[in-house]
């Protein structure tokens, strides 16, 4: 399961990066500044979650819980970026 989760994460993260690069070249400089602000806020939310996650102590299932969250966050962010198209 860990291998599957790792492969899923790589695929989802790759799609997020591809989408970000496509949006970055398409939008105006002002929109890009707003995108950067939004990205920084999103990264802070991911970081804040991780701090809470570390305190929970999910035992052996923890890595899968964390991986699922990371994939969901990246999928959601990708969908938000797609709104620029």
Protein backbone atom coordinates (compact mmCIF):
# COMPACT_ATOMS: atom_id res chain seq x y z
CA UNK A 1 0.00 0.00 0.00
CA UNK A 2 2.86 2.36 0.71
CA UNK A 3 4.19 1.91 -2.82
CA UNK A 4 0.75 2.65 -4.27
CA UNK A 5 0.42 5.73 -2.05
CA UNK A 6 3.86 6.93 -3.10
CA UNK A 7 3.07 6.48 -6.78
CA UNK A 8 -0.27 8.25 -6.39
CA UNK A 9 1.42 11.17 -4.65
CA UNK A 10 4.03 11.49 -7.41
CA UNK A 11 1.32 11.51 -10.09
CA UNK A 12 -0.86 14.05 -8.28
CA UNK A 13 2.09 16.30 -7.44
CA UNK A 14 3.29 16.12 -11.05
CA UNK A 15 -0.11 17.19 -12.34
CA UNK A 16 -0.18 20.08 -9.86
CA UNK A 17 3.25 21.26 -11.03
CA UNK A 18 2.30 20.96 -14.71
CA UNK A 19 -0.92 22.88 -14.13
CA UNK A 20 0.89 25.59 -12.18
CA UNK A 21 3.44 26.06 -14.98
CA UNK A 22 0.67 26.25 -17.59
CA UNK A 23 -1.24 28.84 -15.58
CA UNK A 24 1.89 30.85 -14.81
CA UNK A 25 2.60 31.56 -18.49
CA UNK A 26 -1.05 32.31 -19.29
CA UNK A 27 -1.96 34.93 -16.69
CA UNK A 28 -1.13 38.62 -16.39
CA UNK A 29 1.61 39.88 -14.05
CA UNK A 30 -0.99 41.20 -11.60
CA UNK A 31 -2.82 37.89 -11.55
CA UNK A 32 0.51 36.15 -11.07
CA UNK A 33 1.18 38.24 -7.95
CA UNK A 34 -2.20 37.17 -6.59
CA UNK A 35 -1.38 33.57 -7.48
CA UNK A 36 1.88 33.76 -5.52
CA UNK A 37 0.03 35.14 -2.50
CA UNK A 38 -2.51 32.34 -2.81
CA UNK A 39 0.25 29.74 -3.14
CA UNK A 40 1.99 30.97 -0.01
CA UNK A 41 -1.28 30.81 1.92
CA UNK A 42 -1.90 27.28 0.65
CA UNK A 43 1.61 26.14 1.61
CA UNK A 44 1.07 27.58 5.11
CA UNK A 45 -2.17 25.60 5.44
CA UNK A 46 -0.38 22.40 4.39
CA UNK A 47 2.38 23.13 6.90
CA UNK A 48 -0.13 23.84 9.68
CA UNK A 49 -1.88 20.55 8.97
CA UNK A 50 1.39 18.68 9.18
CA UNK A 51 2.08 20.11 12.64
CA UNK A 52 -1.31 18.85 13.83
CA UNK A 53 -0.81 15.52 12.07
CA UNK A 54 2.51 14.95 13.84
CA UNK A 55 0.83 15.40 17.23
CA UNK A 56 -1.88 12.81 16.54
CA UNK A 57 0.26 9.69 16.54
CA UNK A 58 -1.65 7.57 14.04
CA UNK A 59 0.69 4.58 14.51
CA UNK A 60 1.20 2.37 11.46
CA UNK A 61 -1.71 3.80 9.48
CA UNK A 62 -0.27 7.29 9.88
CA UNK A 63 1.74 7.31 6.69
CA UNK A 64 -1.33 6.39 4.64
CA UNK A 65 -3.48 9.02 6.40
CA UNK A 66 -0.84 11.63 5.68
CA UNK A 67 -0.36 10.53 2.07
CA UNK A 68 -4.11 10.65 1.43
CA UNK A 69 -4.28 14.17 2.86
CA UNK A 70 -1.34 15.32 0.75
CA UNK A 71 -2.94 13.91 -2.40
CA UNK A 72 -6.30 15.47 -1.60
CA UNK A 73 -4.71 18.88 -0.97
CA UNK A 74 -2.82 18.72 -4.25
CA UNK A 75 -5.88 17.59 -6.19
CA UNK A 76 -7.88 20.46 -4.72
CA UNK A 77 -5.14 22.97 -5.51
CA UNK A 78 -4.91 21.64 -9.07
CA UNK A 79 -8.65 22.14 -9.53
CA UNK A 80 -8.37 25.70 -8.24
CA UNK A 81 -5.56 26.41 -10.66
CA UNK A 82 -7.62 24.99 -13.53
CA UNK A 83 -10.14 27.76 -12.93
CA UNK A 84 -7.62 30.11 -14.59
CA UNK A 85 -8.24 28.33 -17.91
